Amino acid sequence: MDETSTPTLHKVLAFTSIAEIATGLALIFDPRFVVWLLVGSNAPMGRLPGIAILALGSACWPSADRSVANPAALRGMLVYNALIALFLVYLFKVGHLGGVLLWPGVVLHAIVAILLLWNARGTLRATSPS
């Protein structure tokens, strides 16, 4: 990639990150309203989270260079795993929902979040603004 496209790419990535974070937060707080705004009805949108998780997984795929940790991928996976673990517990406690994979899912996501946090605490400190 040439140097002239880097500022433009940075702006595009910043814009889309802000838009997707806002959409994600809106979907967390009022998914029916967001779906209504998008498609005009309460149409089933079950594939939307699948697409998002697929994108997260591909964005966080480790590079061939194992000596460098990607702090953005780390943050993304840490936030995802921690919030999913909490949300699954919330579904059980408040929504009285849960299938056979609820608690294994909670445990898996919580362990992954703890492992990410434990193994990357130096990376997160080194990349955070002072």
N, C-alpha and C. Protein backbone atom coordinates (compact mmCIF):
# COMPACT_ATOMS: atom_id res chain seq x y z
N MET A 1 0.86 -1.18 0.00
CA MET A 1 0.00 0.00 0.00
C MET A 1 0.90 1.24 0.00
N ASP A 2 0.59 2.22 -0.83
CA ASP A 2 1.42 3.42 -0.87
C ASP A 2 1.03 4.37 0.26
N GLU A 3 1.94 5.31 0.52
CA GLU A 3 1.76 6.21 1.67
C GLU A 3 0.60 7.18 1.49
N THR A 4 0.23 7.50 0.23
CA THR A 4 -0.85 8.47 0.02
C THR A 4 -2.22 7.91 0.38
N SER A 5 -2.38 6.59 0.35
CA SER A 5 -3.69 6.02 0.67
C SER A 5 -3.86 5.77 2.18
N THR A 6 -2.78 5.83 2.94
CA THR A 6 -2.86 5.54 4.37
C THR A 6 -3.77 6.50 5.13
N PRO A 7 -3.68 7.83 4.95
CA PRO A 7 -4.60 8.72 5.68
C PRO A 7 -6.06 8.48 5.29
N THR A 8 -6.33 8.21 4.02
CA THR A 8 -7.69 7.93 3.59
C THR A 8 -8.19 6.63 4.21
N LEU A 9 -7.35 5.61 4.19
CA LEU A 9 -7.73 4.34 4.79
C LEU A 9 -8.00 4.51 6.28
N HIS A 10 -7.16 5.29 6.95
CA HIS A 10 -7.36 5.56 8.38
C HIS A 10 -8.71 6.22 8.62
N LYS A 11 -9.07 7.19 7.79
CA LYS A 11 -10.36 7.88 7.94
C LYS A 11 -11.53 6.94 7.69
N VAL A 12 -11.41 6.10 6.67
CA VAL A 12 -12.49 5.15 6.37
C VAL A 12 -12.66 4.17 7.52
N LEU A 13 -11.53 3.64 8.03
CA LEU A 13 -11.61 2.70 9.16
C LEU A 13 -12.17 3.37 10.40
N ALA A 14 -11.78 4.61 10.65
CA ALA A 14 -12.31 5.33 11.81
C ALA A 14 -13.81 5.54 11.68
N PHE A 15 -14.25 5.97 10.49
CA PHE A 15 -15.68 6.19 10.26
C PHE A 15 -16.47 4.90 10.46
N THR A 16 -16.03 3.83 9.81
CA THR A 16 -16.79 2.58 9.90
C THR A 16 -16.75 2.00 11.31
N SER A 17 -15.65 2.20 12.02
CA SER A 17 -15.59 1.75 13.42
C SER A 17 -16.61 2.47 14.27
N ILE A 18 -16.71 3.77 14.11
CA ILE A 18 -17.68 4.56 14.87
C ILE A 18 -19.10 4.13 14.52
N ALA A 19 -19.37 3.95 13.23
CA ALA A 19 -20.71 3.54 12.79
C ALA A 19 -21.07 2.16 13.33
N GLU A 20 -20.13 1.23 13.29
CA GLU A 20 -20.44 -0.12 13.76
C GLU A 20 -20.54 -0.19 15.27
N ILE A 21 -19.73 0.58 15.98
CA ILE A 21 -19.85 0.63 17.45
C ILE A 21 -21.21 1.21 17.83
N ALA A 22 -21.63 2.27 17.16
CA ALA A 22 -22.93 2.87 17.44
C ALA A 22 -24.06 1.89 17.14
N THR A 23 -23.95 1.19 16.01
CA THR A 23 -24.97 0.21 15.65
C THR A 23 -24.99 -0.93 16.67
N GLY A 24 -23.83 -1.39 17.06
CA GLY A 24 -23.75 -2.46 18.05
C GLY A 24 -24.38 -2.06 19.37
N LEU A 25 -24.09 -0.85 19.82
CA LEU A 25 -24.69 -0.36 21.07
C LEU A 25 -26.20 -0.23 20.93
N ALA A 26 -26.65 0.28 19.80
CA ALA A 26 -28.09 0.39 19.58
C ALA A 26 -28.76 -0.98 19.57
N LEU A 27 -28.11 -1.96 18.94
CA LEU A 27 -28.66 -3.32 18.92
C LEU A 27 -28.69 -3.94 20.31
N ILE A 28 -27.72 -3.59 21.14
CA ILE A 28 -27.70 -4.10 22.51
C ILE A 28 -28.89 -3.52 23.30
N PHE A 29 -29.14 -2.22 23.15
CA PHE A 29 -30.15 -1.57 23.97
C PHE A 29 -31.57 -1.71 23.43
N ASP A 30 -31.75 -1.70 22.11
CA ASP A 30 -33.11 -1.81 21.55
C ASP A 30 -33.07 -2.46 20.18
N PRO A 31 -32.88 -3.78 20.15
CA PRO A 31 -32.74 -4.46 18.86
C PRO A 31 -33.98 -4.35 17.98
N ARG A 32 -35.17 -4.39 18.56
CA ARG A 32 -36.38 -4.30 17.74
C ARG A 32 -36.47 -2.97 17.00
N PHE A 33 -36.10 -1.89 17.69
CA PHE A 33 -36.15 -0.57 17.07
C PHE A 33 -35.14 -0.48 15.92
N VAL A 34 -33.94 -1.01 16.13
CA VAL A 34 -32.92 -0.97 15.08
C VAL A 34 -33.37 -1.79 13.87
N VAL A 35 -33.92 -2.96 14.12
CA VAL A 35 -34.41 -3.80 13.01
C VAL A 35 -35.53 -3.07 12.28
N TRP A 36 -36.41 -2.44 13.03
CA TRP A 36 -37.49 -1.67 12.40
C TRP A 36 -36.92 -0.54 11.54
N LEU A 37 -35.90 0.16 12.04
CA LEU A 37 -35.28 1.22 11.24
C LEU A 37 -34.62 0.68 9.98
N LEU A 38 -34.03 -0.50 10.09
CA LEU A 38 -33.32 -1.09 8.94
C LEU A 38 -34.26 -1.66 7.89
N VAL A 39 -35.23 -2.44 8.32
CA VAL A 39 -36.05 -3.17 7.35
C VAL A 39 -37.54 -2.83 7.43
N GLY A 40 -37.93 -1.96 8.35
CA GLY A 40 -39.30 -1.50 8.42
C GLY A 40 -40.27 -2.46 9.08
N SER A 41 -39.77 -3.50 9.67
CA SER A 41 -40.65 -4.44 10.36
C SER A 41 -39.81 -5.20 11.38
N ASN A 42 -40.45 -6.10 12.06
CA ASN A 42 -39.72 -6.96 12.99
C ASN A 42 -39.31 -8.25 12.30
N ALA A 43 -38.71 -8.12 11.13
CA ALA A 43 -38.26 -9.28 10.37
C ALA A 43 -37.18 -10.03 11.14
N PRO A 44 -37.11 -11.33 10.95
CA PRO A 44 -36.07 -12.09 11.65
C PRO A 44 -34.68 -11.66 11.17
N MET A 45 -33.83 -11.37 12.10
CA MET A 45 -32.48 -10.90 11.78
C MET A 45 -31.43 -11.80 12.41
N GLY A 46 -31.72 -13.08 12.55
CA GLY A 46 -30.83 -14.00 13.23
C GLY A 46 -29.46 -14.14 12.61
N ARG A 47 -29.34 -13.89 11.31
CA ARG A 47 -28.04 -14.02 10.65
C ARG A 47 -27.12 -12.83 10.95
N LEU A 48 -27.68 -11.72 11.38
CA LEU A 48 -26.87 -10.53 11.67
C LEU A 48 -25.77 -10.81 12.69
N PRO A 49 -26.07 -11.42 13.85
CA PRO A 49 -24.99 -11.71 14.80
C PRO A 49 -23.96 -12.69 14.22
N GLY A 50 -24.42 -13.63 13.41
CA GLY A 50 -23.49 -14.57 12.79
C GLY A 50 -22.50 -13.88 11.88
N ILE A 51 -22.98 -12.92 11.12
CA ILE A 51 -22.11 -12.15 10.24
C ILE A 51 -21.12 -11.35 11.08
N ALA A 52 -21.60 -10.74 12.15
CA ALA A 52 -20.73 -9.94 13.01
C ALA A 52 -19.65 -10.79 13.67
N ILE A 53 -20.02 -11.96 14.16
CA ILE A 53 -19.05 -12.83 14.82
C ILE A 53 -18.03 -13.36 13.81
N LEU A 54 -18.50 -13.69 12.60
CA LEU A 54 -17.58 -14.12 11.54
C LEU A 54 -16.58 -13.01 11.22
N ALA A 55 -17.06 -11.79 11.11
CA ALA A 55 -16.18 -10.66 10.83
C ALA A 55 -15.18 -10.44 11.97
N LEU A 56 -15.63 -10.52 13.20
CA LEU A 56 -14.74 -10.36 14.35
C LEU A 56 -13.66 -11.43 14.34
N GLY A 57 -14.07 -12.67 14.11
CA GLY A 57 -13.10 -13.76 14.08
C GLY A 57 -12.07 -13.59 12.99
N SER A 58 -12.50 -13.18 11.81
CA SER A 58 -11.54 -12.99 10.72
C SER A 58 -10.65 -11.78 10.96
N ALA A 59 -11.18 -10.72 11.55
CA ALA A 59 -10.37 -9.53 11.84
C ALA A 59 -9.32 -9.81 12.90
N CYS A 60 -9.61 -10.73 13.79
CA CYS A 60 -8.70 -11.02 14.90
C CYS A 60 -7.81 -12.22 14.64
N TRP A 61 -7.88 -12.81 13.45
CA TRP A 61 -7.03 -13.94 13.12
C TRP A 61 -5.57 -13.52 13.26
N PRO A 62 -4.75 -14.28 13.99
CA PRO A 62 -3.36 -13.87 14.21
C PRO A 62 -2.55 -13.88 12.92
N SER A 63 -1.61 -12.95 12.85
CA SER A 63 -0.73 -12.88 11.69
C SER A 63 0.35 -13.95 11.81
N ALA A 64 1.09 -14.12 10.75
CA ALA A 64 2.16 -15.12 10.74
C ALA A 64 3.29 -14.72 11.69
N ASP A 65 3.44 -13.42 11.94
CA ASP A 65 4.48 -12.92 12.84
C ASP A 65 4.00 -13.08 14.28
N ARG A 66 4.45 -14.12 14.95
CA ARG A 66 4.00 -14.41 16.31
C ARG A 66 4.67 -13.54 17.37
N SER A 67 5.63 -12.74 16.96
CA SER A 67 6.34 -11.91 17.93
C SER A 67 5.59 -10.62 18.25
N VAL A 68 4.58 -10.30 17.45
CA VAL A 68 3.85 -9.05 17.63
C VAL A 68 2.38 -9.35 17.90
N ALA A 69 1.87 -8.86 19.02
CA ALA A 69 0.45 -9.01 19.34
C ALA A 69 -0.30 -7.82 18.76
N ASN A 70 -1.47 -8.08 18.20
CA ASN A 70 -2.30 -7.01 17.65
C ASN A 70 -3.21 -6.48 18.75
N PRO A 71 -2.94 -5.27 19.26
CA PRO A 71 -3.75 -4.76 20.38
C PRO A 71 -5.21 -4.53 20.01
N ALA A 72 -5.49 -4.18 18.75
CA ALA A 72 -6.89 -3.98 18.34
C ALA A 72 -7.64 -5.31 18.36
N ALA A 73 -7.02 -6.36 17.87
CA ALA A 73 -7.64 -7.69 17.88
C ALA A 73 -7.84 -8.14 19.32
N LEU A 74 -6.87 -7.89 20.15
CA LEU A 74 -6.97 -8.25 21.56
C LEU A 74 -8.14 -7.55 22.23
N ARG A 75 -8.24 -6.24 22.02
CA ARG A 75 -9.36 -5.48 22.61
C ARG A 75 -10.70 -6.01 22.11
N GLY A 76 -10.79 -6.24 20.81
CA GLY A 76 -12.05 -6.73 20.24
C GLY A 76 -12.46 -8.06 20.83
N MET A 77 -11.54 -9.00 20.88
CA MET A 77 -11.88 -10.32 21.42
C MET A 77 -12.13 -10.28 22.92
N LEU A 78 -11.41 -9.43 23.63
CA LEU A 78 -11.62 -9.31 25.08
C LEU A 78 -13.01 -8.74 25.37
N VAL A 79 -13.36 -7.66 24.71
CA VAL A 79 -14.69 -7.05 24.91
C VAL A 79 -15.78 -8.05 24.53
N TYR A 80 -15.62 -8.70 23.39
CA TYR A 80 -16.62 -9.66 22.93
C TYR A 80 -16.81 -10.79 23.94
N ASN A 81 -15.74 -11.44 24.34
CA ASN A 81 -15.86 -12.59 25.24
C ASN A 81 -16.38 -12.21 26.61
N ALA A 82 -15.92 -11.10 27.16
CA ALA A 82 -16.39 -10.66 28.48
C ALA A 82 -17.88 -10.32 28.44
N LEU A 83 -18.30 -9.56 27.42
CA LEU A 83 -19.70 -9.16 27.35
C LEU A 83 -20.63 -10.32 27.02
N ILE A 84 -20.19 -11.25 26.19
CA ILE A 84 -21.02 -12.41 25.88
C ILE A 84 -21.21 -13.27 27.13
N ALA A 85 -20.15 -13.46 27.91
CA ALA A 85 -20.29 -14.24 29.15
C ALA A 85 -21.30 -13.57 30.08
N LEU A 86 -21.19 -12.27 30.25
CA LEU A 86 -22.12 -11.54 31.11
C LEU A 86 -23.55 -11.58 30.56
N PHE A 87 -23.68 -11.44 29.25
CA PHE A 87 -25.01 -11.45 28.64
C PHE A 87 -25.69 -12.81 28.79
N LEU A 88 -24.95 -13.88 28.65
CA LEU A 88 -25.53 -15.21 28.82
C LEU A 88 -26.02 -15.42 30.25
N VAL A 89 -25.26 -14.93 31.22
CA VAL A 89 -25.71 -15.01 32.62
C VAL A 89 -26.97 -14.16 32.80
N TYR A 90 -26.98 -12.98 32.21
CA TYR A 90 -28.16 -12.11 32.27
C TYR A 90 -29.39 -12.82 31.69
N LEU A 91 -29.22 -13.48 30.54
CA LEU A 91 -30.35 -14.20 29.93
C LEU A 91 -30.91 -15.24 30.89
N PHE A 92 -30.04 -15.91 31.61
CA PHE A 92 -30.48 -16.93 32.56
C PHE A 92 -31.18 -16.30 33.76
N LYS A 93 -30.53 -15.28 34.35
CA LYS A 93 -31.04 -14.68 35.59
C LYS A 93 -32.32 -13.87 35.36
N VAL A 94 -32.31 -13.01 34.36
CA VAL A 94 -33.43 -12.09 34.17
C VAL A 94 -34.47 -12.66 33.20
N GLY A 95 -33.99 -13.25 32.12
CA GLY A 95 -34.91 -13.75 31.11
C GLY A 95 -35.37 -15.17 31.34
N HIS A 96 -34.76 -15.83 32.32
CA HIS A 96 -35.08 -17.23 32.62
C HIS A 96 -34.97 -18.10 31.37
N LEU A 97 -33.91 -17.83 30.59
CA LEU A 97 -33.65 -18.57 29.36
C LEU A 97 -32.39 -19.39 29.51
N GLY A 98 -32.30 -20.46 28.78
CA GLY A 98 -31.07 -21.23 28.78
C GLY A 98 -31.27 -22.61 28.21
N GLY A 99 -30.36 -23.00 27.36
CA GLY A 99 -30.38 -24.34 26.79
C GLY A 99 -29.19 -25.12 27.33
N VAL A 100 -28.94 -26.26 26.72
CA VAL A 100 -27.87 -27.12 27.21
C VAL A 100 -26.48 -26.50 27.05
N LEU A 101 -26.32 -25.56 26.16
CA LEU A 101 -25.00 -24.95 25.96
C LEU A 101 -24.83 -23.60 26.66
N LEU A 102 -25.83 -23.18 27.43
CA LEU A 102 -25.72 -21.87 28.10
C LEU A 102 -24.52 -21.82 29.03
N TRP A 103 -24.44 -22.71 30.01
CA TRP A 103 -23.36 -22.64 31.00
C TRP A 103 -22.00 -23.01 30.42
N PRO A 104 -21.92 -24.00 29.52
CA PRO A 104 -20.62 -24.20 28.86
C PRO A 104 -20.19 -22.95 28.08
N GLY A 105 -21.16 -22.26 27.48
CA GLY A 105 -20.85 -21.01 26.77
C GLY A 105 -20.35 -19.93 27.71
N VAL A 106 -21.01 -19.79 28.86
CA VAL A 106 -20.57 -18.81 29.86
C VAL A 106 -19.14 -19.10 30.29
N VAL A 107 -18.89 -20.35 30.64
CA VAL A 107 -17.56 -20.75 31.12
C VAL A 107 -16.51 -20.53 30.05
N LEU A 108 -16.80 -20.96 28.82
CA LEU A 108 -15.83 -20.81 27.73
C LEU A 108 -15.48 -19.35 27.49
N HIS A 109 -16.51 -18.49 27.37
CA HIS A 109 -16.25 -17.07 27.10
C HIS A 109 -15.55 -16.39 28.26
N ALA A 110 -15.91 -16.75 29.49
CA ALA A 110 -15.25 -16.17 30.66
C ALA A 110 -13.78 -16.58 30.72
N ILE A 111 -13.51 -17.85 30.47
CA ILE A 111 -12.11 -18.33 30.49
C ILE A 111 -11.30 -17.65 29.40
N VAL A 112 -11.86 -17.55 28.21
CA VAL A 112 -11.13 -16.88 27.12
C VAL A 112 -10.85 -15.42 27.48
N ALA A 113 -11.84 -14.73 28.04
CA ALA A 113 -11.63 -13.32 28.44
C ALA A 113 -10.54 -13.21 29.49
N ILE A 114 -10.56 -14.09 30.48
CA ILE A 114 -9.53 -14.07 31.53
C ILE A 114 -8.15 -14.37 30.95
N LEU A 115 -8.07 -15.38 30.06
CA LEU A 115 -6.78 -15.71 29.44
C LEU A 115 -6.26 -14.55 28.60
N LEU A 116 -7.15 -13.92 27.83
CA LEU A 116 -6.72 -12.76 27.03
C LEU A 116 -6.21 -11.64 27.93
N LEU A 117 -6.95 -11.35 28.97
CA LEU A 117 -6.54 -10.28 29.89
C LEU A 117 -5.24 -10.62 30.59
N TRP A 118 -5.11 -11.84 31.07
CA TRP A 118 -3.92 -12.27 31.80
C TRP A 118 -2.68 -12.24 30.91
N ASN A 119 -2.79 -12.79 29.71
CA ASN A 119 -1.64 -12.91 28.83
C ASN A 119 -1.28 -11.61 28.13
N ALA A 120 -2.18 -10.66 28.11
CA ALA A 120 -1.92 -9.44 27.35
C ALA A 120 -1.86 -8.19 28.20
N ARG A 121 -1.77 -8.32 29.50
CA ARG A 121 -1.79 -7.12 30.33
C ARG A 121 -0.65 -6.18 30.00
N GLY A 122 0.50 -6.66 29.61
CA GLY A 122 1.60 -5.78 29.19
C GLY A 122 1.31 -5.10 27.87
N THR A 123 0.69 -5.81 26.94
CA THR A 123 0.34 -5.24 25.64
C THR A 123 -0.68 -4.14 25.79
N LEU A 124 -1.69 -4.36 26.61
CA LEU A 124 -2.71 -3.33 26.81
C LEU A 124 -2.13 -2.09 27.48
N ARG A 125 -1.25 -2.27 28.46
CA ARG A 125 -0.64 -1.11 29.12
C ARG A 125 0.26 -0.34 28.16
N ALA A 126 1.01 -1.06 27.34
CA ALA A 126 1.97 -0.42 26.43
C ALA A 126 1.27 0.37 25.33
N THR A 127 0.06 -0.04 24.94
CA THR A 127 -0.62 0.62 23.83
C THR A 127 -1.66 1.63 24.28
N SER A 128 -1.94 1.71 25.58
CA SER A 128 -2.96 2.66 26.04
C SER A 128 -2.33 4.06 26.14
N PRO A 129 -3.15 5.10 25.82
CA PRO A 129 -2.63 6.46 25.89
C PRO A 129 -2.31 6.85 27.34
N SER A 130 -1.26 7.60 27.51
CA SER A 130 -0.83 7.99 28.87
C SER A 130 -1.55 9.21 29.36
